[in-house]
Amino acid sequence: MVTEITQGIKVSVETEYQPSYSSPSQYHYVFTYRITIENQSEFTIQLLRRHWTIYDAGFSSREVDGEGVVGQQPVLEPNQTHHYVSGCNLKSGIGKMVGSYLMERVVDGARFEVAVPEFHMISPLRLN
């Protein structure tokens, strides 16, 4: 698990290779990642947007932007936690993701970026 804290918002990531959804012979490797967002600040916050850069070894990187996460824009009171699971497919079986969330403090509408720590995705087949 990797973790990063920005302005009192703790983001942790765990990844898992999904062999039943992957087809290495067709250059299709599927990974899931579980994100935990903990509001350790004194303010109520809302996650508005996400931004990802996905690096696939030997292939070009790609950018992903959008509202919320998995169709939600969660509001977190101080000491609340939000979990979600999403996925990513790679052609090489080895890659990484790094990103950020755009958050808003509910009390005054102030917006700020929260870093998502860089995390790696490596198919066990590629470790041989």
Protein backbone atom coordinates (compact mmCIF):
# COMPACT_ATOMS: atom_id res chain seq x y z
CA MET A 1 0.00 0.00 0.00
CA VAL A 2 1.18 3.52 -0.78
CA THR A 3 -0.03 6.63 1.05
CA GLU A 4 0.23 10.39 0.72
CA ILE A 5 -1.21 13.24 2.81
CA THR A 6 -2.06 16.68 1.36
CA GLN A 7 -3.59 19.39 3.54
CA GLY A 8 -4.91 16.82 5.98
CA ILE A 9 -6.39 14.52 3.33
CA LYS A 10 -4.83 11.06 3.40
CA VAL A 11 -5.04 8.97 0.21
CA SER A 12 -3.99 5.29 0.27
CA VAL A 13 -3.90 2.90 -2.69
CA GLU A 14 -3.73 -0.91 -2.97
CA THR A 15 -3.52 -2.66 -6.35
CA GLU A 16 -4.37 -6.18 -7.48
CA TYR A 17 -3.84 -8.02 -10.77
CA GLN A 18 -7.01 -9.62 -12.15
CA PRO A 19 -5.97 -12.79 -14.05
CA SER A 20 -9.53 -13.88 -14.81
CA TYR A 21 -10.16 -10.65 -16.78
CA SER A 22 -6.74 -10.56 -18.43
CA SER A 23 -5.50 -12.11 -21.65
CA PRO A 24 -1.71 -11.81 -21.78
CA SER A 25 -1.49 -13.47 -25.21
CA GLN A 26 -3.57 -10.54 -26.52
CA TYR A 27 -1.62 -7.90 -24.55
CA HIS A 28 -4.52 -7.26 -22.18
CA TYR A 29 -3.70 -7.04 -18.47
CA VAL A 30 -6.37 -5.89 -16.02
CA PHE A 31 -5.72 -4.41 -12.59
CA THR A 32 -8.00 -3.10 -9.87
CA TYR A 33 -7.04 -0.46 -7.36
CA ARG A 34 -8.70 0.28 -4.04
CA ILE A 35 -8.53 3.88 -2.89
CA THR A 36 -9.11 5.02 0.68
CA ILE A 37 -9.58 8.75 1.27
CA GLU A 38 -9.44 9.88 4.91
CA ASN A 39 -10.35 13.41 5.93
CA GLN A 40 -7.91 14.14 8.74
CA SER A 41 -8.52 17.90 8.44
CA GLU A 42 -10.86 20.04 10.53
CA PHE A 43 -13.04 20.94 7.53
CA THR A 44 -15.83 19.16 5.65
CA ILE A 45 -14.66 18.55 2.08
CA GLN A 46 -16.12 17.37 -1.20
CA LEU A 47 -14.26 15.55 -3.96
CA LEU A 48 -15.18 17.28 -7.22
CA ARG A 49 -12.85 15.93 -9.93
CA ARG A 50 -10.07 13.45 -10.60
CA HIS A 51 -7.03 13.51 -12.87
CA TRP A 52 -4.88 10.47 -13.71
CA THR A 53 -1.76 9.89 -15.76
CA ILE A 54 -1.41 6.23 -16.71
CA TYR A 55 1.99 4.94 -17.81
CA ASP A 56 2.13 1.61 -19.68
CA ALA A 57 5.72 0.32 -20.09
CA GLY A 58 6.77 0.55 -23.72
CA PHE A 59 3.59 2.36 -24.75
CA SER A 60 2.52 5.99 -24.65
CA SER A 61 1.04 7.41 -21.47
CA ARG A 62 -2.57 8.53 -21.29
CA GLU A 63 -4.47 11.14 -19.29
CA VAL A 64 -7.89 10.69 -17.68
CA ASP A 65 -9.97 13.57 -16.30
CA GLY A 66 -13.50 13.53 -15.00
CA GLU A 67 -16.02 14.45 -12.37
CA GLY A 68 -15.86 12.62 -9.07
CA VAL A 69 -14.85 9.00 -8.65
CA VAL A 70 -16.89 6.03 -9.91
CA GLY A 71 -19.90 8.29 -10.41
CA GLN A 72 -19.76 9.92 -6.99
CA GLN A 73 -18.62 13.25 -5.58
CA PRO A 74 -18.36 12.21 -1.93
CA VAL A 75 -18.59 14.67 0.95
CA LEU A 76 -16.39 13.81 3.91
CA GLU A 77 -16.81 15.31 7.36
CA PRO A 78 -13.69 15.51 9.55
CA ASN A 79 -12.49 11.97 10.44
CA GLN A 80 -14.71 10.33 7.80
CA THR A 81 -13.37 7.87 5.24
CA HIS A 82 -14.45 7.03 1.69
CA HIS A 83 -13.45 3.81 -0.14
CA TYR A 84 -13.88 2.91 -3.77
CA VAL A 85 -12.54 0.38 -6.25
CA SER A 86 -11.79 1.06 -9.89
CA GLY A 87 -9.69 -0.52 -12.60
CA CYS A 88 -7.14 -0.04 -15.31
CA ASN A 89 -6.02 -2.11 -18.27
CA LEU A 90 -2.48 -2.20 -19.62
CA LYS A 91 -0.97 -3.63 -22.79
CA SER A 92 2.45 -4.41 -21.32
CA GLY A 93 1.51 -5.87 -17.94
CA ILE A 94 3.77 -3.32 -16.22
CA GLY A 95 2.76 0.24 -15.48
CA LYS A 96 1.99 2.91 -12.97
CA MET A 97 -0.56 5.60 -12.24
CA VAL A 98 -0.30 8.94 -10.52
CA GLY A 99 -2.97 11.56 -10.07
CA SER A 100 -4.82 14.13 -8.05
CA TYR A 101 -8.26 15.05 -6.80
CA LEU A 102 -9.80 18.50 -6.87
CA MET A 103 -11.37 19.04 -3.46
CA GLU A 104 -13.55 21.84 -2.12
CA ARG A 105 -13.92 22.98 1.47
CA VAL A 106 -17.67 23.16 2.08
CA VAL A 107 -17.45 26.03 4.61
CA ASP A 108 -15.96 28.60 2.20
CA GLY A 109 -15.81 27.00 -1.27
CA ALA A 110 -12.00 27.07 -1.32
CA ARG A 111 -10.65 24.53 -3.81
CA PHE A 112 -7.38 22.65 -3.56
CA GLU A 113 -5.54 19.74 -5.18
CA VAL A 114 -4.89 16.54 -3.24
CA ALA A 115 -2.11 14.26 -4.49
CA VAL A 116 -2.76 10.58 -5.14
CA PRO A 117 0.48 8.69 -4.55
CA GLU A 118 2.13 7.00 -7.51
CA PHE A 119 1.28 3.31 -7.56
CA HIS A 120 2.57 0.43 -9.65
CA MET A 121 0.77 -2.36 -11.46
CA ILE A 122 2.84 -5.42 -12.32
CA SER A 123 1.44 -8.70 -13.60
CA PRO A 124 2.97 -11.69 -11.79
CA LEU A 125 3.63 -13.16 -15.24
CA ARG A 126 6.00 -10.27 -15.99
CA LEU A 127 8.10 -11.01 -12.90
CA ASN A 128 9.48 -14.24 -14.39
